[in-house]
Amino acid sequence: MQVTTKVEQRTAISASGHPVGVLAFSGDIASTSKDAILAAWHALDGASSRVLLDFTGVDYINSSGIAIIIQMLLEASKPGGRSIAIFGLSPHFQKVFTMVGINKYAALHTNEAAALASL
């Protein structure tokens, strides 16, 4: 049974003192997650040129969910886009994200402190 995706938006401060938008996901990420995830992504303050994606509360991501994440990263990679860092992935999904090349668009970190230090 799929667990509904929830997205919490908050702000953190990077090691260099810059504001960082944080999208904290929980539940499963699948095709049914698209509206919630993209709404949160597009609702980030336009001044948030740095963003953390927190997967700590995520147990499952299917291929449709990975496609949603790739869509965000492709938007962020456009000129004037955002710097993205990812943390909180299980070892399995760290491997999957690396296999599909997500780590070319966003650095993968083990925890929030390491991710914040990278931005």
PDB file of N, CA and C in Angstrom:
ATOM      1  N   MET A   1       0.840  -1.180   0.000  1.00  0.00           N
ATOM      2  CA  MET A   1       0.000   0.000   0.000  1.00  0.00           C
ATOM      3  C   MET A   1       0.883   1.240   0.000  1.00  0.00           C
ATOM      4  N   GLN A   2       0.599   2.148  -0.901  1.00  0.00           N
ATOM      5  CA  GLN A   2       1.403   3.363  -1.031  1.00  0.00           C
ATOM      6  C   GLN A   2       1.032   4.377   0.048  1.00  0.00           C
ATOM      7  N   VAL A   3       2.047   4.986   0.637  1.00  0.00           N
ATOM      8  CA  VAL A   3       1.854   6.007   1.658  1.00  0.00           C
ATOM      9  C   VAL A   3       1.896   7.369   0.981  1.00  0.00           C
ATOM     10  N   THR A   4       0.894   8.193   1.236  1.00  0.00           N
ATOM     11  CA  THR A   4       0.786   9.510   0.613  1.00  0.00           C
ATOM     12  C   THR A   4       2.025  10.356   0.874  1.00  0.00           C
ATOM     13  N   THR A   5       2.464  11.047  -0.159  1.00  0.00           N
ATOM     14  CA  THR A   5       3.619  11.933  -0.040  1.00  0.00           C
ATOM     15  C   THR A   5       3.222  13.222   0.656  1.00  0.00           C
ATOM     16  N   LYS A   6       4.049  13.627   1.597  1.00  0.00           N
ATOM     17  CA  LYS A   6       3.888  14.929   2.239  1.00  0.00           C
ATOM     18  C   LYS A   6       5.167  15.705   1.988  1.00  0.00           C
ATOM     19  N   VAL A   7       5.028  17.020   1.810  1.00  0.00           N
ATOM     20  CA  VAL A   7       6.185  17.878   1.593  1.00  0.00           C
ATOM     21  C   VAL A   7       6.099  19.042   2.565  1.00  0.00           C
ATOM     22  N   GLU A   8       7.114  19.162   3.393  1.00  0.00           N
ATOM     23  CA  GLU A   8       7.205  20.286   4.332  1.00  0.00           C
ATOM     24  C   GLU A   8       8.261  21.248   3.810  1.00  0.00           C
ATOM     25  N   GLN A   9       7.905  22.508   3.785  1.00  0.00           N
ATOM     26  CA  GLN A   9       8.839  23.527   3.312  1.00  0.00           C
ATOM     27  C   GLN A   9       9.320  24.350   4.501  1.00  0.00           C
ATOM     28  N   ARG A  10      10.635  24.584   4.575  1.00  0.00           N
ATOM     29  CA  ARG A  10      11.202  25.414   5.629  1.00  0.00           C
ATOM     30  C   ARG A  10      12.456  26.085   5.091  1.00  0.00           C
ATOM     31  N   THR A  11      13.055  26.929   5.921  1.00  0.00           N
ATOM     32  CA  THR A  11      14.286  27.612   5.538  1.00  0.00           C
ATOM     33  C   THR A  11      15.383  27.262   6.534  1.00  0.00           C
ATOM     34  N   ALA A  12      16.572  27.031   6.028  1.00  0.00           N
ATOM     35  CA  ALA A  12      17.763  26.800   6.852  1.00  0.00           C
ATOM     36  C   ALA A  12      18.795  27.841   6.440  1.00  0.00           C
ATOM     37  N   ILE A  13      19.889  27.901   7.177  1.00  0.00           N
ATOM     38  CA  ILE A  13      20.969  28.832   6.867  1.00  0.00           C
ATOM     39  C   ILE A  13      22.230  28.020   6.565  1.00  0.00           C
ATOM     40  N   SER A  14      22.847  28.322   5.427  1.00  0.00           N
ATOM     41  CA  SER A  14      24.064  27.603   5.042  1.00  0.00           C
ATOM     42  C   SER A  14      25.233  28.036   5.919  1.00  0.00           C
ATOM     43  N   ALA A  15      26.322  27.310   5.822  1.00  0.00           N
ATOM     44  CA  ALA A  15      27.523  27.633   6.588  1.00  0.00           C
ATOM     45  C   ALA A  15      28.039  29.023   6.241  1.00  0.00           C
ATOM     46  N   SER A  16      27.765  29.467   5.015  1.00  0.00           N
ATOM     47  CA  SER A  16      28.208  30.794   4.586  1.00  0.00           C
ATOM     48  C   SER A  16      27.192  31.889   4.927  1.00  0.00           C
ATOM     49  N   GLY A  17      26.111  31.502   5.610  1.00  0.00           N
ATOM     50  CA  GLY A  17      25.120  32.478   6.053  1.00  0.00           C
ATOM     51  C   GLY A  17      23.998  32.771   5.077  1.00  0.00           C
ATOM     52  N   HIS A  18      23.923  32.038   3.991  1.00  0.00           N
ATOM     53  CA  HIS A  18      22.866  32.245   2.996  1.00  0.00           C
ATOM     54  C   HIS A  18      21.613  31.440   3.347  1.00  0.00           C
ATOM     55  N   PRO A  19      20.430  31.990   3.054  1.00  0.00           N
ATOM     56  CA  PRO A  19      19.205  31.213   3.268  1.00  0.00           C
ATOM     57  C   PRO A  19      19.119  30.067   2.262  1.00  0.00           C
ATOM     58  N   VAL A  20      18.616  28.950   2.743  1.00  0.00           N
ATOM     59  CA  VAL A  20      18.479  27.749   1.917  1.00  0.00           C
ATOM     60  C   VAL A  20      17.049  27.233   2.076  1.00  0.00           C
ATOM     61  N   GLY A  21      16.353  27.057   0.975  1.00  0.00           N
ATOM     62  CA  GLY A  21      15.028  26.453   1.017  1.00  0.00           C
ATOM     63  C   GLY A  21      15.169  24.954   1.209  1.00  0.00           C
ATOM     64  N   VAL A  22      14.362  24.394   2.088  1.00  0.00           N
ATOM     65  CA  VAL A  22      14.407  22.951   2.342  1.00  0.00           C
ATOM     66  C   VAL A  22      13.037  22.362   2.033  1.00  0.00           C
ATOM     67  N   LEU A  23      13.024  21.331   1.207  1.00  0.00           N
ATOM     68  CA  LEU A  23      11.816  20.550   0.969  1.00  0.00           C
ATOM     69  C   LEU A  23      12.044  19.193   1.615  1.00  0.00           C
ATOM     70  N   ALA A  24      11.297  18.926   2.679  1.00  0.00           N
ATOM     71  CA  ALA A  24      11.415  17.662   3.409  1.00  0.00           C
ATOM     72  C   ALA A  24      10.260  16.754   3.000  1.00  0.00           C
ATOM     73  N   PHE A  25      10.587  15.643   2.374  1.00  0.00           N
ATOM     74  CA  PHE A  25       9.587  14.699   1.888  1.00  0.00           C
ATOM     75  C   PHE A  25       9.365  13.590   2.901  1.00  0.00           C
ATOM     76  N   SER A  26       8.124  13.107   2.968  1.00  0.00           N
ATOM     77  CA  SER A  26       7.831  11.913   3.758  1.00  0.00           C
ATOM     78  C   SER A  26       6.777  11.104   3.014  1.00  0.00           C
ATOM     79  N   GLY A  27       6.722   9.822   3.334  1.00  0.00           N
ATOM     80  CA  GLY A  27       5.830   8.923   2.615  1.00  0.00           C
ATOM     81  C   GLY A  27       6.544   8.329   1.416  1.00  0.00           C
ATOM     82  N   ASP A  28       5.777   7.841   0.463  1.00  0.00           N
ATOM     83  CA  ASP A  28       6.326   7.256  -0.755  1.00  0.00           C
ATOM     84  C   ASP A  28       6.313   8.307  -1.860  1.00  0.00           C
ATOM     85  N   ILE A  29       7.254   8.210  -2.774  1.00  0.00           N
ATOM     86  CA  ILE A  29       7.292   9.127  -3.910  1.00  0.00           C
ATOM     87  C   ILE A  29       7.032   8.318  -5.170  1.00  0.00           C
ATOM     88  N   ALA A  30       5.908   8.642  -5.808  1.00  0.00           N
ATOM     89  CA  ALA A  30       5.459   7.929  -7.005  1.00  0.00           C
ATOM     90  C   ALA A  30       4.722   8.924  -7.899  1.00  0.00           C
ATOM     91  N   SER A  31       4.094   8.435  -8.944  1.00  0.00           N
ATOM     92  CA  SER A  31       3.391   9.330  -9.876  1.00  0.00           C
ATOM     93  C   SER A  31       2.320  10.155  -9.178  1.00  0.00           C
ATOM     94  N   THR A  32       1.697   9.611  -8.156  1.00  0.00           N
ATOM     95  CA  THR A  32       0.656  10.342  -7.429  1.00  0.00           C
ATOM     96  C   THR A  32       1.233  11.486  -6.588  1.00  0.00           C
ATOM     97  N   SER A  33       2.548  11.548  -6.477  1.00  0.00           N
ATOM     98  CA  SER A  33       3.223  12.586  -5.697  1.00  0.00           C
ATOM     99  C   SER A  33       3.502  13.845  -6.506  1.00  0.00           C
ATOM    100  N   LYS A  34       3.352  13.757  -7.812  1.00  0.00           N
ATOM    101  CA  LYS A  34       3.795  14.831  -8.703  1.00  0.00           C
ATOM    102  C   LYS A  34       3.222  16.188  -8.325  1.00  0.00           C
ATOM    103  N   ASP A  35       1.919  16.283  -8.142  1.00  0.00           N
ATOM    104  CA  ASP A  35       1.304  17.588  -7.860  1.00  0.00           C
ATOM    105  C   ASP A  35       1.826  18.193  -6.564  1.00  0.00           C
ATOM    106  N   ALA A  36       1.911  17.396  -5.509  1.00  0.00           N
ATOM    107  CA  ALA A  36       2.378  17.906  -4.211  1.00  0.00           C
ATOM    108  C   ALA A  36       3.828  18.350  -4.282  1.00  0.00           C
ATOM    109  N   ILE A  37       4.671  17.547  -4.918  1.00  0.00           N
ATOM    110  CA  ILE A  37       6.096  17.867  -4.989  1.00  0.00           C
ATOM    111  C   ILE A  37       6.339  19.093  -5.857  1.00  0.00           C
ATOM    112  N   LEU A  38       5.745  19.129  -7.040  1.00  0.00           N
ATOM    113  CA  LEU A  38       5.994  20.260  -7.931  1.00  0.00           C
ATOM    114  C   LEU A  38       5.371  21.544  -7.402  1.00  0.00           C
ATOM    115  N   ALA A  39       4.247  21.454  -6.705  1.00  0.00           N
ATOM    116  CA  ALA A  39       3.654  22.653  -6.094  1.00  0.00           C
ATOM    117  C   ALA A  39       4.603  23.225  -5.043  1.00  0.00           C
ATOM    118  N   ALA A  40       5.178  22.361  -4.221  1.00  0.00           N
ATOM    119  CA  ALA A  40       6.129  22.827  -3.202  1.00  0.00           C
ATOM    120  C   ALA A  40       7.380  23.395  -3.872  1.00  0.00           C
ATOM    121  N   TRP A  41       7.859  22.735  -4.910  1.00  0.00           N
ATOM    122  CA  TRP A  41       9.045  23.186  -5.637  1.00  0.00           C
ATOM    123  C   TRP A  41       8.823  24.578  -6.219  1.00  0.00           C
ATOM    124  N   HIS A  42       7.681  24.777  -6.872  1.00  0.00           N
ATOM    125  CA  HIS A  42       7.396  26.069  -7.498  1.00  0.00           C
ATOM    126  C   HIS A  42       7.031  27.141  -6.480  1.00  0.00           C
ATOM    127  N   ALA A  43       6.623  26.732  -5.282  1.00  0.00           N
ATOM    128  CA  ALA A  43       6.267  27.693  -4.234  1.00  0.00           C
ATOM    129  C   ALA A  43       7.482  28.201  -3.459  1.00  0.00           C
ATOM    130  N   LEU A  44       8.649  27.599  -3.680  1.00  0.00           N
ATOM    131  CA  LEU A  44       9.847  28.089  -2.988  1.00  0.00           C
ATOM    132  C   LEU A  44      10.050  29.556  -3.323  1.00  0.00           C
ATOM    133  N   ASP A  45      10.449  30.291  -2.348  1.00  0.00           N
ATOM    134  CA  ASP A  45      10.730  31.708  -2.536  1.00  0.00           C
ATOM    135  C   ASP A  45      11.702  31.873  -3.700  1.00  0.00           C
ATOM    136  N   GLY A  46      11.397  32.793  -4.596  1.00  0.00           N
ATOM    137  CA  GLY A  46      12.260  33.037  -5.748  1.00  0.00           C
ATOM    138  C   GLY A  46      13.685  33.384  -5.350  1.00  0.00           C
ATOM    139  N   ALA A  47      13.865  33.874  -4.137  1.00  0.00           N
ATOM    140  CA  ALA A  47      15.206  34.221  -3.665  1.00  0.00           C
ATOM    141  C   ALA A  47      15.979  32.977  -3.226  1.00  0.00           C
ATOM    142  N   SER A  48      15.302  31.839  -3.143  1.00  0.00           N
ATOM    143  CA  SER A  48      15.968  30.599  -2.722  1.00  0.00           C
ATOM    144  C   SER A  48      16.760  30.024  -3.884  1.00  0.00           C
ATOM    145  N   SER A  49      17.976  30.512  -4.063  1.00  0.00           N
ATOM    146  CA  SER A  49      18.806  29.987  -5.141  1.00  0.00           C
ATOM    147  C   SER A  49      19.525  28.718  -4.693  1.00  0.00           C
ATOM    148  N   ARG A  50      19.394  28.406  -3.391  1.00  0.00           N
ATOM    149  CA  ARG A  50      19.984  27.184  -2.829  1.00  0.00           C
ATOM    150  C   ARG A  50      18.857  26.373  -2.202  1.00  0.00           C
ATOM    151  N   VAL A  51      18.836  25.072  -2.536  1.00  0.00           N
ATOM    152  CA  VAL A  51      17.744  24.223  -2.053  1.00  0.00           C
ATOM    153  C   VAL A  51      18.297  22.881  -1.588  1.00  0.00           C
ATOM    154  N   LEU A  52      17.766  22.413  -0.461  1.00  0.00           N
ATOM    155  CA  LEU A  52      18.047  21.063   0.031  1.00  0.00           C
ATOM    156  C   LEU A  52      16.810  20.216  -0.188  1.00  0.00           C
ATOM    157  N   LEU A  53      17.003  19.003  -0.650  1.00  0.00           N
ATOM    158  CA  LEU A  53      15.925  18.027  -0.748  1.00  0.00           C
ATOM    159  C   LEU A  53      16.192  16.976   0.321  1.00  0.00           C
ATOM    160  N   ASP A  54      15.276  16.889   1.273  1.00  0.00           N
ATOM    161  CA  ASP A  54      15.427  16.003   2.440  1.00  0.00           C
ATOM    162  C   ASP A  54      14.567  14.754   2.257  1.00  0.00           C
ATOM    163  N   PHE A  55      15.213  13.606   2.099  1.00  0.00           N
ATOM    164  CA  PHE A  55      14.520  12.342   1.894  1.00  0.00           C
ATOM    165  C   PHE A  55      14.513  11.472   3.148  1.00  0.00           C
ATOM    166  N   THR A  56      14.809  12.067   4.294  1.00  0.00           N
ATOM    167  CA  THR A  56      14.890  11.306   5.538  1.00  0.00           C
ATOM    168  C   THR A  56      13.603  10.519   5.823  1.00  0.00           C
ATOM    169  N   GLY A  57      12.446  11.097   5.535  1.00  0.00           N
ATOM    170  CA  GLY A  57      11.175  10.454   5.838  1.00  0.00           C
ATOM    171  C   GLY A  57      10.599   9.622   4.702  1.00  0.00           C
ATOM    172  N   VAL A  58      11.399   9.341   3.686  1.00  0.00           N
ATOM    173  CA  VAL A  58      10.919   8.600   2.514  1.00  0.00           C
ATOM    174  C   VAL A  58      11.372   7.148   2.594  1.00  0.00           C
ATOM    175  N   ASP A  59      10.414   6.239   2.442  1.00  0.00           N
ATOM    176  CA  ASP A  59      10.724   4.810   2.468  1.00  0.00           C
ATOM    177  C   ASP A  59      10.824   4.210   1.072  1.00  0.00           C
ATOM    178  N   TYR A  60      10.112   4.791   0.107  1.00  0.00           N
ATOM    179  CA  TYR A  60      10.020   4.166  -1.207  1.00  0.00           C
ATOM    180  C   TYR A  60       9.938   5.241  -2.282  1.00  0.00           C
ATOM    181  N   ILE A  61      10.680   5.049  -3.367  1.00  0.00           N
ATOM    182  CA  ILE A  61      10.616   5.917  -4.540  1.00  0.00           C
ATOM    183  C   ILE A  61      10.583   4.995  -5.752  1.00  0.00           C
ATOM    184  N   ASN A  62       9.540   5.120  -6.571  1.00  0.00           N
ATOM    185  CA  ASN A  62       9.521   4.294  -7.773  1.00  0.00           C
ATOM    186  C   ASN A  62      10.046   5.092  -8.966  1.00  0.00           C
ATOM    187  N   SER A  63      10.037   4.503 -10.136  1.00  0.00           N
ATOM    188  CA  SER A  63      10.614   5.160 -11.312  1.00  0.00           C
ATOM    189  C   SER A  63       9.893   6.456 -11.656  1.00  0.00           C
ATOM    190  N   SER A  64       8.593   6.526 -11.440  1.00  0.00           N
ATOM    191  CA  SER A  64       7.856   7.768 -11.681  1.00  0.00           C
ATOM    192  C   SER A  64       8.297   8.848 -10.695  1.00  0.00           C
ATOM    193  N   GLY A  65       8.565   8.449  -9.470  1.00  0.00           N
ATOM    194  CA  GLY A  65       9.060   9.392  -8.467  1.00  0.00           C
ATOM    195  C   GLY A  65      10.432   9.920  -8.828  1.00  0.00           C
ATOM    196  N   ILE A  66      11.284   9.055  -9.321  1.00  0.00           N
ATOM    197  CA  ILE A  66      12.615   9.486  -9.758  1.00  0.00           C
ATOM    198  C   ILE A  66      12.483  10.469 -10.921  1.00  0.00           C
ATOM    199  N   ALA A  67      11.544  10.225 -11.821  1.00  0.00           N
ATOM    200  CA  ALA A  67      11.323  11.139 -12.946  1.00  0.00           C
ATOM    201  C   ALA A  67      10.906  12.526 -12.454  1.00  0.00           C
ATOM    202  N   ILE A  68      10.098  12.597 -11.400  1.00  0.00           N
ATOM    203  CA  ILE A  68       9.688  13.892 -10.829  1.00  0.00           C
ATOM    204  C   ILE A  68      10.915  14.625 -10.279  1.00  0.00           C
ATOM    205  N   ILE A  69      11.768  13.907  -9.590  1.00  0.00           N
ATOM    206  CA  ILE A  69      12.979  14.502  -9.018  1.00  0.00           C
ATOM    207  C   ILE A  69      13.890  14.998 -10.142  1.00  0.00           C
ATOM    208  N   ILE A  70      14.039  14.204 -11.180  1.00  0.00           N
ATOM    209  CA  ILE A  70      14.849  14.619 -12.325  1.00  0.00           C
ATOM    210  C   ILE A  70      14.261  15.873 -12.963  1.00  0.00           C
ATOM    211  N   GLN A  71      12.960  15.963 -13.060  1.00  0.00           N
ATOM    212  CA  GLN A  71      12.313  17.154 -13.616  1.00  0.00           C
ATOM    213  C   GLN A  71      12.706  18.401 -12.814  1.00  0.00           C
ATOM    214  N   MET A  72      12.684  18.315 -11.481  1.00  0.00           N
ATOM    215  CA  MET A  72      13.080  19.455 -10.642  1.00  0.00           C
ATOM    216  C   MET A  72      14.544  19.814 -10.899  1.00  0.00           C
ATOM    217  N   LEU A  73      15.398  18.805 -10.965  1.00  0.00           N
ATOM    218  CA  LEU A  73      16.823  19.057 -11.151  1.00  0.00           C
ATOM    219  C   LEU A  73      17.114  19.663 -12.518  1.00  0.00           C
ATOM    220  N   LEU A  74      16.392  19.254 -13.535  1.00  0.00           N
ATOM    221  CA  LEU A  74      16.575  19.843 -14.862  1.00  0.00           C
ATOM    222  C   LEU A  74      16.133  21.303 -14.869  1.00  0.00           C
ATOM    223  N   GLU A  75      15.041  21.614 -14.188  1.00  0.00           N
ATOM    224  CA  GLU A  75      14.609  23.009 -14.061  1.00  0.00           C
ATOM    225  C   GLU A  75      15.673  23.827 -13.338  1.00  0.00           C
ATOM    226  N   ALA A  76      16.243  23.255 -12.296  1.00  0.00           N
ATOM    227  CA  ALA A  76      17.251  23.954 -11.497  1.00  0.00           C
ATOM    228  C   ALA A  76      18.542  24.180 -12.278  1.00  0.00           C
ATOM    229  N   SER A  77      18.834  23.328 -13.256  1.00  0.00           N
ATOM    230  CA  SER A  77      20.090  23.437 -13.989  1.00  0.00           C
ATOM    231  C   SER A  77      20.058  24.480 -15.103  1.00  0.00           C
ATOM    232  N   LYS A  78      18.892  25.059 -15.364  1.00  0.00           N
ATOM    233  CA  LYS A  78      18.788  26.097 -16.394  1.00  0.00           C
ATOM    234  C   LYS A  78      19.504  27.363 -15.917  1.00  0.00           C
ATOM    235  N   PRO A  79      19.921  28.213 -16.858  1.00  0.00           N
ATOM    236  CA  PRO A  79      20.574  29.462 -16.448  1.00  0.00           C
ATOM    237  C   PRO A  79      19.710  30.234 -15.436  1.00  0.00           C
ATOM    238  N   GLY A  80      20.367  30.713 -14.390  1.00  0.00           N
ATOM    239  CA  GLY A  80      19.641  31.420 -13.334  1.00  0.00           C
ATOM    240  C   GLY A  80      18.916  30.475 -12.395  1.00  0.00           C
ATOM    241  N   GLY A  81      19.205  29.185 -12.501  1.00  0.00           N
ATOM    242  CA  GLY A  81      18.523  28.171 -11.704  1.00  0.00           C
ATOM    243  C   GLY A  81      19.039  28.108 -10.279  1.00  0.00           C
ATOM    244  N   ARG A  82      18.833  26.984  -9.656  1.00  0.00           N
ATOM    245  CA  ARG A  82      19.153  26.800  -8.245  1.00  0.00           C
ATOM    246  C   ARG A  82      20.264  25.773  -8.046  1.00  0.00           C
ATOM    247  N   SER A  83      21.002  25.940  -6.940  1.00  0.00           N
ATOM    248  CA  SER A  83      21.958  24.926  -6.504  1.00  0.00           C
ATOM    249  C   SER A  83      21.203  23.960  -5.604  1.00  0.00           C
ATOM    250  N   ILE A  84      21.343  22.681  -5.858  1.00  0.00           N
ATOM    251  CA  ILE A  84      20.595  21.670  -5.129  1.00  0.00           C
ATOM    252  C   ILE A  84      21.552  20.712  -4.426  1.00  0.00           C
ATOM    253  N   ALA A  85      21.206  20.341  -3.210  1.00  0.00           N
ATOM    254  CA  ALA A  85      21.897  19.270  -2.493  1.00  0.00           C
ATOM    255  C   ALA A  85      20.824  18.338  -1.934  1.00  0.00           C
ATOM    256  N   ILE A  86      21.150  17.066  -1.869  1.00  0.00           N
ATOM    257  CA  ILE A  86      20.208  16.039  -1.423  1.00  0.00           C
ATOM    258  C   ILE A  86      20.796  15.332  -0.217  1.00  0.00           C
ATOM    259  N   PHE A  87      19.938  15.031   0.770  1.00  0.00           N
ATOM    260  CA  PHE A  87      20.403  14.234   1.908  1.00  0.00           C
ATOM    261  C   PHE A  87      19.273  13.355   2.417  1.00  0.00           C
ATOM    262  N   GLY A  88      19.646  12.403   3.267  1.00  0.00           N
ATOM    263  CA  GLY A  88      18.666  11.542   3.913  1.00  0.00           C
ATOM    264  C   GLY A  88      18.235  10.332   3.122  1.00  0.00           C
ATOM    265  N   LEU A  89      18.911  10.029   2.032  1.00  0.00           N
ATOM    266  CA  LEU A  89      18.565   8.841   1.251  1.00  0.00           C
ATOM    267  C   LEU A  89      19.066   7.582   1.945  1.00  0.00           C
ATOM    268  N   SER A  90      18.300   6.518   1.837  1.00  0.00           N
ATOM    269  CA  SER A  90      18.775   5.220   2.318  1.00  0.00           C
ATOM    270  C   SER A  90      19.946   4.797   1.432  1.00  0.00           C
ATOM    271  N   PRO A  91      20.791   3.884   1.901  1.00  0.00           N
ATOM    272  CA  PRO A  91      21.894   3.413   1.052  1.00  0.00           C
ATOM    273  C   PRO A  91      21.409   2.881  -0.302  1.00  0.00           C
ATOM    274  N   HIS A  92      20.268   2.206  -0.301  1.00  0.00           N
ATOM    275  CA  HIS A  92      19.725   1.687  -1.562  1.00  0.00           C
ATOM    276  C   HIS A  92      19.434   2.825  -2.531  1.00  0.00           C
ATOM    277  N   PHE A  93      18.757   3.883  -2.071  1.00  0.00           N
ATOM    278  CA  PHE A  93      18.403   4.969  -2.979  1.00  0.00           C
ATOM    279  C   PHE A  93      19.593   5.865  -3.302  1.00  0.00           C
ATOM    280  N   GLN A  94      20.616   5.902  -2.450  1.00  0.00           N
ATOM    281  CA  GLN A  94      21.861   6.579  -2.834  1.00  0.00           C
ATOM    282  C   GLN A  94      22.443   5.892  -4.063  1.00  0.00           C
ATOM    283  N   LYS A  95      22.417   4.566  -4.042  1.00  0.00           N
ATOM    284  CA  LYS A  95      22.926   3.782  -5.164  1.00  0.00           C
ATOM    285  C   LYS A  95      22.083   4.010  -6.419  1.00  0.00           C
ATOM    286  N   VAL A  96      20.763   3.987  -6.276  1.00  0.00           N
ATOM    287  CA  VAL A  96      19.867   4.201  -7.415  1.00  0.00           C
ATOM    288  C   VAL A  96      20.076   5.598  -8.002  1.00  0.00           C
ATOM    289  N   PHE A  97      20.121   6.629  -7.151  1.00  0.00           N
ATOM    290  CA  PHE A  97      20.311   7.999  -7.632  1.00  0.00           C
ATOM    291  C   PHE A  97      21.634   8.129  -8.381  1.00  0.00           C
ATOM    292  N   THR A  98      22.665   7.443  -7.909  1.00  0.00           N
ATOM    293  CA  THR A  98      23.957   7.479  -8.577  1.00  0.00           C
ATOM    294  C   THR A  98      23.881   6.745  -9.915  1.00  0.00           C
ATOM    295  N   MET A  99      23.201   5.609  -9.941  1.00  0.00           N
ATOM    296  CA  MET A  99      23.081   4.821 -11.171  1.00  0.00           C
ATOM    297  C   MET A  99      22.354   5.591 -12.268  1.00  0.00           C
ATOM    298  N   VAL A 100      21.334   6.379 -11.906  1.00  0.00           N
ATOM    299  CA  VAL A 100      20.579   7.110 -12.927  1.00  0.00           C
ATOM    300  C   VAL A 100      21.169   8.499 -13.202  1.00  0.00           C
ATOM    301  N   GLY A 101      22.245   8.846 -12.507  1.00  0.00           N
ATOM    302  CA  GLY A 101      22.951  10.086 -12.800  1.00  0.00           C
ATOM    303  C   GLY A 101      22.466  11.325 -12.076  1.00  0.00           C
ATOM    304  N   ILE A 102      21.615  11.163 -11.083  1.00  0.00           N
ATOM    305  CA  ILE A 102      21.122  12.329 -10.340  1.00  0.00           C
ATOM    306  C   ILE A 102      22.272  13.056  -9.658  1.00  0.00           C
ATOM    307  N   ASN A 103      23.288  12.334  -9.259  1.00  0.00           N
ATOM    308  CA  ASN A 103      24.423  12.951  -8.570  1.00  0.00           C
ATOM    309  C   ASN A 103      25.221  13.896  -9.481  1.00  0.00           C
ATOM    310  N   LYS A 104      24.949  13.910 -10.783  1.00  0.00           N
ATOM    311  CA  LYS A 104      25.582  14.868 -11.689  1.00  0.00           C
ATOM    312  C   LYS A 104      24.926  16.244 -11.581  1.00  0.00           C
ATOM    313  N   TYR A 105      23.698  16.281 -11.067  1.00  0.00           N
ATOM    314  CA  TYR A 105      22.942  17.524 -10.949  1.00  0.00           C
ATOM    315  C   TYR A 105      22.829  18.026  -9.517  1.00  0.00           C
ATOM    316  N   ALA A 106      22.999  17.125  -8.565  1.00  0.00           N
ATOM    317  CA  ALA A 106      22.896  17.495  -7.149  1.00  0.00           C
ATOM    318  C   ALA A 106      23.784  16.568  -6.334  1.00  0.00           C
ATOM    319  N   ALA A 107      24.557  17.158  -5.439  1.00  0.00           N
ATOM    320  CA  ALA A 107      25.420  16.351  -4.579  1.00  0.00           C
ATOM    321  C   ALA A 107      24.569  15.581  -3.576  1.00  0.00           C
ATOM    322  N   LEU A 108      24.967  14.335  -3.301  1.00  0.00           N
ATOM    323  CA  LEU A 108      24.272  13.481  -2.345  1.00  0.00           C
ATOM    324  C   LEU A 108      25.055  13.485  -1.033  1.00  0.00           C
ATOM    325  N   HIS A 109      24.359  13.764   0.067  1.00  0.00           N
ATOM    326  CA  HIS A 109      25.002  13.838   1.381  1.00  0.00           C
ATOM    327  C   HIS A 109      24.268  12.934   2.369  1.00  0.00           C
ATOM    328  N   THR A 110      24.967  12.574   3.431  1.00  0.00           N
ATOM    329  CA  THR A 110      24.371  11.684   4.433  1.00  0.00           C
ATOM    330  C   THR A 110      23.465  12.420   5.402  1.00  0.00           C
ATOM    331  N   ASN A 111      23.736  13.715   5.655  1.00  0.00           N
ATOM    332  CA  ASN A 111      22.915  14.446   6.626  1.00  0.00           C
ATOM    333  C   ASN A 111      22.784  15.909   6.241  1.00  0.00           C
ATOM    334  N   GLU A 112      21.914  16.620   6.943  1.00  0.00           N
ATOM    335  CA  GLU A 112      21.625  18.005   6.631  1.00  0.00           C
ATOM    336  C   GLU A 112      22.847  18.908   6.812  1.00  0.00           C
ATOM    337  N   ALA A 113      23.620  18.676   7.861  1.00  0.00           N
ATOM    338  CA  ALA A 113      24.793  19.522   8.114  1.00  0.00           C
ATOM    339  C   ALA A 113      25.774  19.455   6.952  1.00  0.00           C
ATOM    340  N   ALA A 114      26.041  18.263   6.461  1.00  0.00           N
ATOM    341  CA  ALA A 114      26.950  18.109   5.320  1.00  0.00           C
ATOM    342  C   ALA A 114      26.382  18.759   4.061  1.00  0.00           C
ATOM    343  N   ALA A 115      25.087  18.607   3.846  1.00  0.00           N
ATOM    344  CA  ALA A 115      24.440  19.214   2.671  1.00  0.00           C
ATOM    345  C   ALA A 115      24.494  20.739   2.754  1.00  0.00           C
ATOM    346  N   LEU A 116      24.211  21.290   3.939  1.00  0.00           N
ATOM    347  CA  LEU A 116      24.271  22.748   4.111  1.00  0.00           C
ATOM    348  C   LEU A 116      25.684  23.276   3.899  1.00  0.00           C
ATOM    349  N   ALA A 117      26.662  22.529   4.353  1.00  0.00           N
ATOM    350  CA  ALA A 117      28.050  22.959   4.194  1.00  0.00           C
ATOM    351  C   ALA A 117      28.461  23.009   2.728  1.00  0.00           C
ATOM    352  N   SER A 118      27.777  22.256   1.879  1.00  0.00           N
ATOM    353  CA  SER A 118      28.134  22.210   0.457  1.00  0.00           C
ATOM    354  C   SER A 118      27.538  23.364  -0.351  1.00  0.00           C
ATOM    355  N   LEU A 119      26.603  24.090   0.237  1.00  0.00           N
ATOM    356  CA  LEU A 119      25.937  25.158  -0.523  1.00  0.00           C
ATOM    357  C   LEU A 119      26.474  26.531  -0.206  1.00  0.00           C
TER     358      LEU A 119
END
